[in-house]
């Protein structure tokens, strides 16, 4: 096992010390400039579209709505990254890591807009619904199926197997910390429950996440808001602590500027997934009249994840002061921090919250693998093998060493992000043109409807030609 751990550590040092930080920040800034900071200018439009997507279209009763696609991707984003990941970032990189999580969300939301808009442009019909994602726009937009297959394999391993082992690991640790529940027993329970859901198909996934995500987020945010209001006078002090530590001006815990930057971006990407290439798989399933609609909704999901939920956890931990205990990390740190603020019952509350957060992520992560297996080859046999492998990894992750599963997650999500960022950098011009088309129609007072022929050079956007356009409304 030590050889495997050494290889994973070497790969992470290479990817996260140089390549990914430059690509994530550089392309995030580039997309922000090219879209004229769409992630800030159109926030009001994002909320309008989200509300619009809550009302099902009676003519598309079997298709996934834009709101359901939002909850599938949010289900994957909102999980252990928001609670255990934030705690891990603070313990390794200091309070300054939170600042870099914010930055990667603010500029990364533009990357999230571009990738999800492209996923909508290049989606394909799948029975009564749609399917798509980076593998599809690599094949159809770049004419590089080989690239799409590499990505499909990576995302299937990353989300379906590795990330789900992280989620299961955090659930089992939280329940063991709170009530002493055996991690092996918890792993078997999770495996059985997940198996029941994933053998039911994507529409069942959409229904389950549409219920779980809003409820779990509101409960957790409510408790966090209580803690922040209880410690209202500490807010300026915590903000100064975060910003000061981000630039190495205040050394508290962690390894200074480099550690804050790297851990903040790592955990920020793990949590909000902006630019990683995962959320586009959910975005492509939505039935909308214009690709930009789903691109905007997915940008809102990035903000929801990091600026609200991750920040809530960070403030709880930093206001408690318990982060200075170098022996405590991960979900145990979050549980201990909240307990100092609201009492011993907090440990159990966090265990229940992480169960809901992470279980919804298990469901969303599974779907990303399923849609990419379909891209490689439509085979019921391979899909069944994948489902069984997912269930097995959930059981394994429940009892595995914490550092191993997190390091594996960092390595695989890094490889996946590099390939996706290259693709969206090459195809970004079509997302920019689609945004311009959307804004022109909005200025004319129309509910924007997309037609591929309006975008110069756009080909193989099979769901958006004149013949099929009516079915998108």
Protein backbone atom coordinates (compact mmCIF):
# COMPACT_ATOMS: atom_id res chain seq x y z
CA UNK A 1 0.00 0.00 0.00
CA UNK A 2 2.92 2.35 0.69
CA UNK A 3 4.01 2.14 -2.97
CA UNK A 4 0.51 3.12 -4.11
CA UNK A 5 0.44 6.01 -1.65
CA UNK A 6 3.85 7.23 -2.87
CA UNK A 7 2.72 7.18 -6.51
CA UNK A 8 -0.48 9.08 -5.66
CA UNK A 9 1.47 11.66 -3.62
CA UNK A 10 3.96 12.21 -6.47
CA UNK A 11 1.15 12.70 -8.99
CA UNK A 12 -0.63 15.17 -6.73
CA UNK A 13 2.53 17.21 -6.16
CA UNK A 14 3.09 17.46 -9.91
CA UNK A 15 -0.49 18.39 -10.80
CA UNK A 16 -1.36 20.71 -7.94
CA UNK A 17 1.96 22.52 -7.50
CA UNK A 18 2.11 23.76 -11.08
CA UNK A 19 -0.32 22.70 -13.80
CA UNK A 20 -3.80 22.88 -12.33
CA UNK A 21 -3.53 26.06 -10.32
CA UNK A 22 -2.38 27.97 -13.40
CA UNK A 23 -5.06 26.40 -15.63
CA UNK A 24 -7.96 26.86 -13.22
CA UNK A 25 -7.21 30.48 -12.38
CA UNK A 26 -5.99 31.43 -15.85
CA UNK A 27 -8.94 30.01 -17.76
CA UNK A 28 -11.40 31.21 -15.11
CA UNK A 29 -10.19 34.77 -15.64
CA UNK A 30 -10.23 34.30 -19.44
CA UNK A 31 -13.83 33.04 -19.45
CA UNK A 32 -14.87 35.82 -17.08
CA UNK A 33 -13.45 38.45 -19.44
CA UNK A 34 -14.89 36.86 -22.61
CA UNK A 35 -18.38 36.60 -21.09
CA UNK A 36 -18.07 40.06 -19.51
CA UNK A 37 -18.35 38.51 -16.07
CA UNK A 38 -21.59 36.67 -16.74
CA UNK A 39 -21.42 35.07 -13.29
CA UNK A 40 -21.98 38.48 -11.66
CA UNK A 41 -24.00 40.43 -14.22
CA UNK A 42 -26.76 37.86 -14.63
CA UNK A 43 -27.32 36.67 -11.06
CA UNK A 44 -30.90 37.96 -11.15
CA UNK A 45 -31.53 36.06 -14.37
CA UNK A 46 -30.16 32.89 -12.74
CA UNK A 47 -32.77 33.04 -9.96
CA UNK A 48 -35.54 33.78 -12.47
CA UNK A 49 -34.57 30.75 -14.53
CA UNK A 50 -34.33 28.53 -11.47
CA UNK A 51 -37.86 29.50 -10.46
CA UNK A 52 -39.03 28.89 -14.03
CA UNK A 53 -37.48 25.40 -13.94
CA UNK A 54 -39.43 24.46 -10.80
CA UNK A 55 -42.63 24.32 -12.86
CA UNK A 56 -42.66 21.10 -14.91
CA UNK A 57 -43.48 21.33 -18.61
CA UNK A 58 -46.52 19.10 -19.21
CA UNK A 59 -45.34 18.41 -22.77
CA UNK A 60 -42.01 17.08 -21.47
CA UNK A 61 -43.30 14.90 -18.63
CA UNK A 62 -40.52 12.31 -18.87
CA UNK A 63 -37.67 14.74 -19.43
CA UNK A 64 -35.50 16.15 -16.65
CA UNK A 65 -36.39 19.77 -15.85
CA UNK A 66 -33.75 22.48 -15.52
CA UNK A 67 -34.41 22.55 -11.76
CA UNK A 68 -33.93 18.78 -11.46
CA UNK A 69 -30.69 19.00 -13.44
CA UNK A 70 -29.60 21.76 -11.04
CA UNK A 71 -30.33 19.52 -8.04
CA UNK A 72 -28.52 16.51 -9.56
CA UNK A 73 -25.35 18.57 -10.03
CA UNK A 74 -25.81 20.31 -6.66
CA UNK A 75 -26.27 16.90 -5.05
CA UNK A 76 -22.82 15.96 -6.28
CA UNK A 77 -21.30 19.33 -5.32
CA UNK A 78 -22.91 19.57 -1.89
CA UNK A 79 -21.41 16.82 0.20
CA UNK A 80 -18.33 16.03 2.20
CA UNK A 81 -16.42 18.85 0.51
CA UNK A 82 -18.62 21.37 2.30
CA UNK A 83 -18.09 19.93 5.77
CA UNK A 84 -15.12 17.58 5.93
CA UNK A 85 -13.30 19.19 2.96
CA UNK A 86 -13.44 22.71 4.39
CA UNK A 87 -12.14 21.42 7.73
CA UNK A 88 -9.33 19.56 5.95
CA UNK A 89 -8.40 22.70 3.98
CA UNK A 90 -8.20 24.81 7.16
CA UNK A 91 -6.19 22.22 9.10
CA UNK A 92 -3.64 21.84 6.25
CA UNK A 93 -3.61 25.34 4.76
CA UNK A 94 -4.77 27.56 7.58
CA UNK A 95 -7.73 30.00 7.56
CA UNK A 96 -6.35 31.54 4.35
CA UNK A 97 -7.42 28.44 2.43
CA UNK A 98 -11.02 29.69 2.76
CA UNK A 99 -10.13 32.85 0.81
CA UNK A 100 -8.78 30.80 -2.09
CA UNK A 101 -11.90 28.63 -2.02
CA UNK A 102 -13.91 31.83 -2.51
CA UNK A 103 -11.68 32.99 -5.37
CA UNK A 104 -11.86 29.70 -7.24
CA UNK A 105 -15.67 29.84 -6.93
CA UNK A 106 -15.98 33.46 -8.07
CA UNK A 107 -13.88 33.04 -11.19
CA UNK A 108 -14.68 29.36 -11.62
CA UNK A 109 -18.38 30.10 -11.99
CA UNK A 110 -17.53 31.45 -15.47
CA UNK A 111 -15.85 28.14 -16.32
CA UNK A 112 -18.94 26.37 -14.97
CA UNK A 113 -21.14 28.49 -17.25
CA UNK A 114 -19.07 27.68 -20.33
CA UNK A 115 -18.84 23.92 -19.76
CA UNK A 116 -22.56 23.52 -18.98
CA UNK A 117 -23.62 25.65 -21.95
CA UNK A 118 -21.42 23.50 -24.21
CA UNK A 119 -22.95 20.36 -22.71
CA UNK A 120 -26.40 21.63 -23.69
CA UNK A 121 -25.27 22.62 -27.21
CA UNK A 122 -23.80 19.18 -27.94
CA UNK A 123 -26.26 16.97 -26.04
CA UNK A 124 -27.94 13.99 -27.73
CA UNK A 125 -31.37 12.40 -27.50
CA UNK A 126 -31.68 9.54 -25.04
CA UNK A 127 -35.13 8.01 -25.28
CA UNK A 128 -37.55 10.61 -23.96
CA UNK A 129 -34.75 12.70 -22.47
CA UNK A 130 -31.20 13.87 -23.18
CA UNK A 131 -27.66 12.84 -22.39
CA UNK A 132 -24.35 14.70 -22.74
CA UNK A 133 -21.28 16.16 -21.11
CA UNK A 134 -17.57 16.72 -21.85
CA UNK A 135 -17.09 13.37 -23.58
CA UNK A 136 -19.86 14.31 -26.00
CA UNK A 137 -18.59 17.81 -26.79
CA UNK A 138 -15.07 16.45 -27.23
CA UNK A 139 -16.36 14.00 -29.83
CA UNK A 140 -18.88 16.25 -31.60
CA UNK A 141 -17.28 19.68 -31.14
CA UNK A 142 -13.59 18.77 -31.45
CA UNK A 143 -14.06 15.60 -33.54
CA UNK A 144 -11.85 13.72 -31.07
CA UNK A 145 -13.70 10.66 -29.85
CA UNK A 146 -10.48 9.26 -28.37
CA UNK A 147 -10.30 12.29 -26.10
CA UNK A 148 -13.90 11.79 -25.09
CA UNK A 149 -13.26 8.14 -24.24
CA UNK A 150 -10.28 9.04 -22.03
CA UNK A 151 -12.41 11.60 -20.22
CA UNK A 152 -15.32 9.18 -19.90
CA UNK A 153 -13.07 6.56 -18.29
CA UNK A 154 -11.57 9.13 -15.90
CA UNK A 155 -14.90 10.59 -14.75
CA UNK A 156 -16.38 7.13 -14.27
CA UNK A 157 -13.47 6.13 -12.03
CA UNK A 158 -13.28 9.53 -10.30
CA UNK A 159 -16.92 10.04 -9.42
CA UNK A 160 -18.49 6.62 -9.49
CA UNK A 161 -15.68 4.91 -7.59
CA UNK A 162 -13.12 7.22 -5.92
CA UNK A 163 -15.36 10.16 -4.92
CA UNK A 164 -18.03 7.79 -3.69
CA UNK A 165 -15.47 6.10 -1.45
CA UNK A 166 -14.67 9.57 -0.01
CA UNK A 167 -18.35 10.26 0.64
CA UNK A 168 -18.87 6.87 2.30
CA UNK A 169 -15.68 7.33 4.35
CA UNK A 170 -16.93 10.64 5.74
CA UNK A 171 -20.39 9.29 6.53
CA UNK A 172 -18.98 6.31 8.44
CA UNK A 173 -16.47 8.47 10.35
CA UNK A 174 -19.16 10.98 11.34
CA UNK A 175 -21.56 8.31 12.59
CA UNK A 176 -18.78 6.51 14.44
CA UNK A 177 -17.75 9.79 16.10
CA UNK A 178 -21.32 10.63 17.09
CA UNK A 179 -22.78 7.29 18.14
CA UNK A 180 -20.05 4.67 17.87
CA UNK A 181 -21.71 2.91 14.89
CA UNK A 182 -19.36 0.34 13.37
CA UNK A 183 -17.96 1.65 10.07
CA UNK A 184 -18.23 -1.74 8.37
CA UNK A 185 -21.90 -2.07 9.27
CA UNK A 186 -22.57 1.48 8.05
CA UNK A 187 -20.82 0.69 4.77
CA UNK A 188 -23.12 -2.27 4.13
CA UNK A 189 -26.22 -0.18 4.91
CA UNK A 190 -25.10 2.57 2.52
CA UNK A 191 -24.31 0.05 -0.20
CA UNK A 192 -27.79 -1.51 0.01
CA UNK A 193 -29.60 1.86 0.01
CA UNK A 194 -27.58 3.17 -2.93
CA UNK A 195 -28.18 -0.04 -4.87
CA UNK A 196 -31.94 0.38 -4.51
CA UNK A 197 -31.77 3.89 -5.98
CA UNK A 198 -29.24 3.44 -8.81
CA UNK A 199 -31.04 0.45 -10.28
CA UNK A 200 -34.07 2.73 -10.66
CA UNK A 201 -32.64 5.04 -13.36
CA UNK A 202 -31.98 8.76 -13.80
CA UNK A 203 -35.56 9.92 -13.27
CA UNK A 204 -35.59 8.31 -9.83
CA UNK A 205 -32.24 10.01 -9.16
CA UNK A 206 -33.75 13.35 -10.16
CA UNK A 207 -36.78 12.87 -7.88
CA UNK A 208 -34.68 11.82 -4.88
CA UNK A 209 -32.16 14.67 -5.15
CA UNK A 210 -34.88 17.26 -5.82
CA UNK A 211 -36.27 16.45 -2.36
CA UNK A 212 -33.07 15.89 -0.36
CA UNK A 213 -30.88 18.79 -1.53
CA UNK A 214 -33.06 21.81 -0.63
CA UNK A 215 -34.09 20.30 2.73
CA UNK A 216 -30.58 19.36 3.86
CA UNK A 217 -29.08 22.68 2.71
CA UNK A 218 -31.69 24.79 4.53
CA UNK A 219 -31.26 22.88 7.81
CA UNK A 220 -27.49 23.17 7.76
CA UNK A 221 -27.48 26.84 6.70
CA UNK A 222 -30.01 27.57 9.45
CA UNK A 223 -27.74 26.17 12.15
CA UNK A 224 -24.71 27.95 10.66
CA UNK A 225 -26.62 31.25 10.58
CA UNK A 226 -27.47 30.79 14.25
CA UNK A 227 -23.77 30.29 15.07
CA UNK A 228 -22.74 33.36 13.04
CA UNK A 229 -25.41 35.56 14.64
CA UNK A 230 -24.46 34.25 18.08
CA UNK A 231 -20.89 35.38 17.37
CA UNK A 232 -21.81 38.47 15.34
CA UNK A 233 -19.04 40.61 16.83
CA UNK A 234 -16.44 38.09 15.66
CA UNK A 235 -17.28 38.41 11.94
CA UNK A 236 -14.78 41.22 11.17
CA UNK A 237 -12.10 39.35 13.11
CA UNK A 238 -12.73 36.12 11.17
CA UNK A 239 -12.72 37.90 7.79
CA UNK A 240 -9.41 39.62 8.64
CA UNK A 241 -8.01 36.27 9.76
CA UNK A 242 -9.01 34.61 6.46
CA UNK A 243 -7.67 37.37 4.20
CA UNK A 244 -4.50 37.94 6.21
CA UNK A 245 -3.62 34.25 6.28
CA UNK A 246 -4.39 33.91 2.55
CA UNK A 247 -1.37 36.06 1.70
CA UNK A 248 0.90 34.78 4.44
CA UNK A 249 0.49 37.94 6.54
CA UNK A 250 -0.75 36.00 9.56
CA UNK A 251 0.74 32.57 10.17
CA UNK A 252 -1.71 30.66 12.32
CA UNK A 253 -1.80 27.04 11.20
CA UNK A 254 -0.82 25.40 7.93
CA UNK A 255 2.19 26.15 5.80
CA UNK A 256 1.79 29.77 4.78
CA UNK A 257 0.80 31.21 1.42
CA UNK A 258 1.61 28.11 -0.67
CA UNK A 259 -0.32 25.74 1.58
CA UNK A 260 -3.30 28.11 1.80
CA UNK A 261 -3.41 28.54 -1.98
CA UNK A 262 -3.03 24.87 -2.86
CA UNK A 263 -5.40 23.47 -0.23
CA UNK A 264 -7.98 26.17 -0.84
CA UNK A 265 -8.06 25.49 -4.57
CA UNK A 266 -7.98 21.70 -4.11
CA UNK A 267 -10.86 21.63 -1.68
CA UNK A 268 -12.70 24.37 -3.55
CA UNK A 269 -12.57 22.37 -6.78
CA UNK A 270 -13.57 19.17 -4.99
CA UNK A 271 -16.57 20.96 -3.55
CA UNK A 272 -17.89 23.19 -6.36
CA UNK A 273 -16.45 21.24 -9.36
CA UNK A 274 -16.26 24.35 -11.56
CA UNK A 275 -14.29 23.46 -14.68
CA UNK A 276 -13.81 19.85 -13.65
CA UNK A 277 -16.25 18.53 -16.25
CA UNK A 278 -18.68 16.81 -13.91
CA UNK A 279 -21.65 19.19 -13.68
CA UNK A 280 -22.08 19.35 -17.51
CA UNK A 281 -23.23 15.72 -17.41
CA UNK A 282 -26.23 16.79 -15.32
CA UNK A 283 -26.70 20.07 -17.20
CA UNK A 284 -27.05 18.19 -20.51
CA UNK A 285 -30.08 16.24 -19.25
CA UNK A 286 -32.26 19.34 -18.86
CA UNK A 287 -35.03 20.18 -21.30
CA UNK A 288 -34.67 23.93 -21.92
CA UNK A 289 -35.33 26.25 -24.86
CA UNK A 290 -31.78 27.68 -24.91
CA UNK A 291 -28.40 26.21 -23.77
CA UNK A 292 -27.49 29.41 -21.92
CA UNK A 293 -30.39 28.90 -19.52
CA UNK A 294 -28.78 25.81 -18.06
CA UNK A 295 -25.33 27.39 -18.16
CA UNK A 296 -26.59 30.20 -15.93
CA UNK A 297 -28.34 27.83 -13.54
CA UNK A 298 -25.18 25.75 -13.16
CA UNK A 299 -23.17 28.90 -12.37
CA UNK A 300 -25.62 29.57 -9.55
CA UNK A 301 -24.92 26.06 -8.23
CA UNK A 302 -21.21 26.95 -7.88
CA UNK A 303 -22.07 30.00 -5.78
CA UNK A 304 -24.58 28.05 -3.67
CA UNK A 305 -21.99 25.43 -2.87
CA UNK A 306 -18.94 27.51 -1.99
CA UNK A 307 -20.03 31.03 -1.05
CA UNK A 308 -22.91 29.85 1.14
CA UNK A 309 -22.46 26.29 2.39
CA UNK A 310 -18.64 26.08 2.48
CA UNK A 311 -18.46 29.52 4.08
CA UNK A 312 -20.96 28.43 6.72
CA UNK A 313 -18.71 25.55 7.74
CA UNK A 314 -15.60 27.75 7.68
CA UNK A 315 -17.14 30.36 9.98
CA UNK A 316 -18.30 27.68 12.43
CA UNK A 317 -14.77 26.24 12.62
CA UNK A 318 -12.92 29.57 12.82
CA UNK A 319 -15.29 31.10 15.37
CA UNK A 320 -14.80 28.09 17.64
CA UNK A 321 -11.01 28.45 17.71
CA UNK A 322 -10.72 24.68 17.84
CA UNK A 323 -8.95 24.59 14.46
CA UNK A 324 -5.75 25.44 16.34
CA UNK A 325 -5.75 21.85 17.62
CA UNK A 326 -3.39 20.22 15.12
CA UNK A 327 -4.57 16.73 16.10
CA UNK A 328 -8.08 17.27 14.77
CA UNK A 329 -9.05 17.29 11.09
CA UNK A 330 -11.78 16.32 8.64
CA UNK A 331 -15.36 15.78 9.74
CA UNK A 332 -14.31 15.32 13.38
CA UNK A 333 -13.08 18.95 13.39
CA UNK A 334 -16.43 20.20 12.07
CA UNK A 335 -18.32 18.16 14.66
CA UNK A 336 -16.14 19.39 17.52
CA UNK A 337 -16.32 23.02 16.34
CA UNK A 338 -20.10 23.03 16.14
CA UNK A 339 -20.35 21.31 19.54
CA UNK A 340 -18.50 24.21 21.15
CA UNK A 341 -21.12 26.58 19.75
CA UNK A 342 -24.44 24.82 20.27
CA UNK A 343 -23.78 21.92 22.66
CA UNK A 344 -23.02 18.22 22.55
CA UNK A 345 -26.04 17.47 20.37
CA UNK A 346 -24.15 19.09 17.48
CA UNK A 347 -22.02 16.00 16.90
CA UNK A 348 -25.14 13.97 16.16
CA UNK A 349 -26.62 16.78 14.07
CA UNK A 350 -23.50 16.94 11.90
CA UNK A 351 -23.58 13.16 11.53
CA UNK A 352 -27.17 13.31 10.24
CA UNK A 353 -26.40 16.31 8.02
CA UNK A 354 -23.35 14.62 6.49
CA UNK A 355 -25.41 11.48 5.94
CA UNK A 356 -27.92 13.49 3.90
CA UNK A 357 -25.29 15.65 2.16
CA UNK A 358 -23.00 12.78 1.26
CA UNK A 359 -25.71 10.29 0.37
CA UNK A 360 -27.15 12.71 -2.17
CA UNK A 361 -23.61 13.03 -3.54
CA UNK A 362 -23.36 9.25 -3.87
CA UNK A 363 -26.43 9.39 -6.09
CA UNK A 364 -25.24 12.32 -8.22
CA UNK A 365 -21.74 10.86 -8.58
CA UNK A 366 -23.12 7.55 -9.75
CA UNK A 367 -25.06 9.24 -12.55
CA UNK A 368 -21.94 10.89 -13.95
CA UNK A 369 -20.36 7.48 -14.42
CA UNK A 370 -23.50 6.00 -15.95
CA UNK A 371 -23.84 8.63 -18.66
CA UNK A 372 -20.17 8.26 -19.63
CA UNK A 373 -20.35 4.48 -19.83
CA UNK A 374 -23.22 5.00 -22.26
CA UNK A 375 -20.91 7.26 -24.28
CA UNK A 376 -18.21 4.61 -24.57
CA UNK A 377 -20.56 1.76 -25.32
CA UNK A 378 -24.24 1.18 -24.71
CA UNK A 379 -24.11 -2.11 -22.86
CA UNK A 380 -26.38 -3.37 -20.11
CA UNK A 381 -23.66 -5.78 -19.03
CA UNK A 382 -21.05 -3.02 -18.52
CA UNK A 383 -23.61 -0.83 -16.79
CA UNK A 384 -24.42 -3.63 -14.37
CA UNK A 385 -20.72 -4.22 -13.70
CA UNK A 386 -20.30 -0.50 -13.04
CA UNK A 387 -23.24 -0.42 -10.63
CA UNK A 388 -21.86 -3.34 -8.66
CA UNK A 389 -18.40 -1.70 -8.60
CA UNK A 390 -19.93 1.53 -7.23
CA UNK A 391 -21.67 -0.39 -4.47
CA UNK A 392 -18.43 -2.23 -3.64
CA UNK A 393 -16.42 1.02 -3.46
CA UNK A 394 -18.97 2.52 -1.08
CA UNK A 395 -18.49 -0.46 1.22
CA UNK A 396 -14.67 -0.21 0.86
CA UNK A 397 -14.57 3.56 1.41
CA UNK A 398 -16.49 3.24 4.65
CA UNK A 399 -13.57 1.42 6.30
CA UNK A 400 -10.58 2.82 4.34
CA UNK A 401 -7.90 5.20 5.68
CA UNK A 402 -9.01 8.86 5.44
CA UNK A 403 -5.81 10.20 3.83
CA UNK A 404 -5.75 7.52 1.11
CA UNK A 405 -9.25 8.17 -0.21
CA UNK A 406 -8.78 11.97 -0.22
CA UNK A 407 -5.40 11.73 -1.99
CA UNK A 408 -6.88 9.42 -4.63
CA UNK A 409 -9.71 11.88 -5.15
CA UNK A 410 -7.27 14.78 -5.66
CA UNK A 411 -5.26 12.86 -8.25
CA UNK A 412 -8.16 11.65 -10.37
CA UNK A 413 -10.12 14.92 -10.28
CA UNK A 414 -6.93 16.72 -11.32
CA UNK A 415 -6.44 14.51 -14.38
CA UNK A 416 -10.09 14.89 -15.31
CA UNK A 417 -10.03 18.67 -14.95
CA UNK A 418 -6.96 19.09 -17.19
CA UNK A 419 -8.62 17.30 -20.11
CA UNK A 420 -11.91 19.16 -19.68
CA UNK A 421 -10.26 22.58 -19.37
CA UNK A 422 -8.36 22.02 -22.62
CA UNK A 423 -11.61 21.11 -24.39
CA UNK A 424 -13.67 24.06 -23.14
CA UNK A 425 -10.83 26.47 -23.94
CA UNK A 426 -10.95 25.26 -27.56
CA UNK A 427 -14.76 25.27 -27.78
CA UNK A 428 -15.45 28.34 -25.65
CA UNK A 429 -16.20 30.54 -28.67
CA UNK A 430 -19.50 28.70 -29.20
CA UNK A 431 -20.57 29.28 -25.60
CA UNK A 432 -19.70 33.00 -25.97
CA UNK A 433 -21.74 33.20 -29.19
CA UNK A 434 -24.69 31.40 -27.56
CA UNK A 435 -24.60 33.89 -24.68
CA UNK A 436 -24.69 36.80 -27.12
CA UNK A 437 -27.64 35.21 -28.94
CA UNK A 438 -29.47 34.73 -25.63
CA UNK A 439 -28.92 38.34 -24.53
CA UNK A 440 -30.08 39.70 -27.90
CA UNK A 441 -33.34 37.76 -27.66
CA UNK A 442 -33.87 38.89 -24.05
CA UNK A 443 -33.38 42.53 -25.09
CA UNK A 444 -36.11 41.98 -27.69
CA UNK A 445 -38.46 40.83 -24.93
CA UNK A 446 -38.45 37.19 -26.06
CA UNK A 447 -38.14 33.94 -24.14
CA UNK A 448 -34.90 32.88 -25.88
CA UNK A 449 -35.06 29.88 -28.20
CA UNK A 450 -31.85 28.47 -29.65
CA UNK A 451 -31.24 27.59 -33.27
CA UNK A 452 -27.83 26.17 -34.18
CA UNK A 453 -27.87 27.89 -37.57
CA UNK A 454 -27.60 31.29 -35.84
CA UNK A 455 -24.07 30.43 -34.61
CA UNK A 456 -21.39 30.61 -37.29
CA UNK A 457 -19.30 27.45 -37.60
CA UNK A 458 -21.42 25.42 -35.17
CA UNK A 459 -21.94 21.85 -36.38
CA UNK A 460 -23.25 18.57 -34.95
CA UNK A 461 -25.59 20.31 -32.51
CA UNK A 462 -28.22 17.73 -33.42
CA UNK A 463 -30.79 18.68 -30.78
CA UNK A 464 -30.88 22.31 -31.88
CA UNK A 465 -31.67 22.21 -35.60
CA UNK A 466 -34.87 23.59 -37.16
CA UNK A 467 -36.66 20.24 -37.22
CA UNK A 468 -36.30 19.46 -33.53
CA UNK A 469 -36.39 22.96 -32.14
CA UNK A 470 -40.04 22.88 -31.10
CA UNK A 471 -39.39 19.92 -28.80
CA UNK A 472 -37.01 22.00 -26.73
CA UNK A 473 -39.63 24.44 -25.50
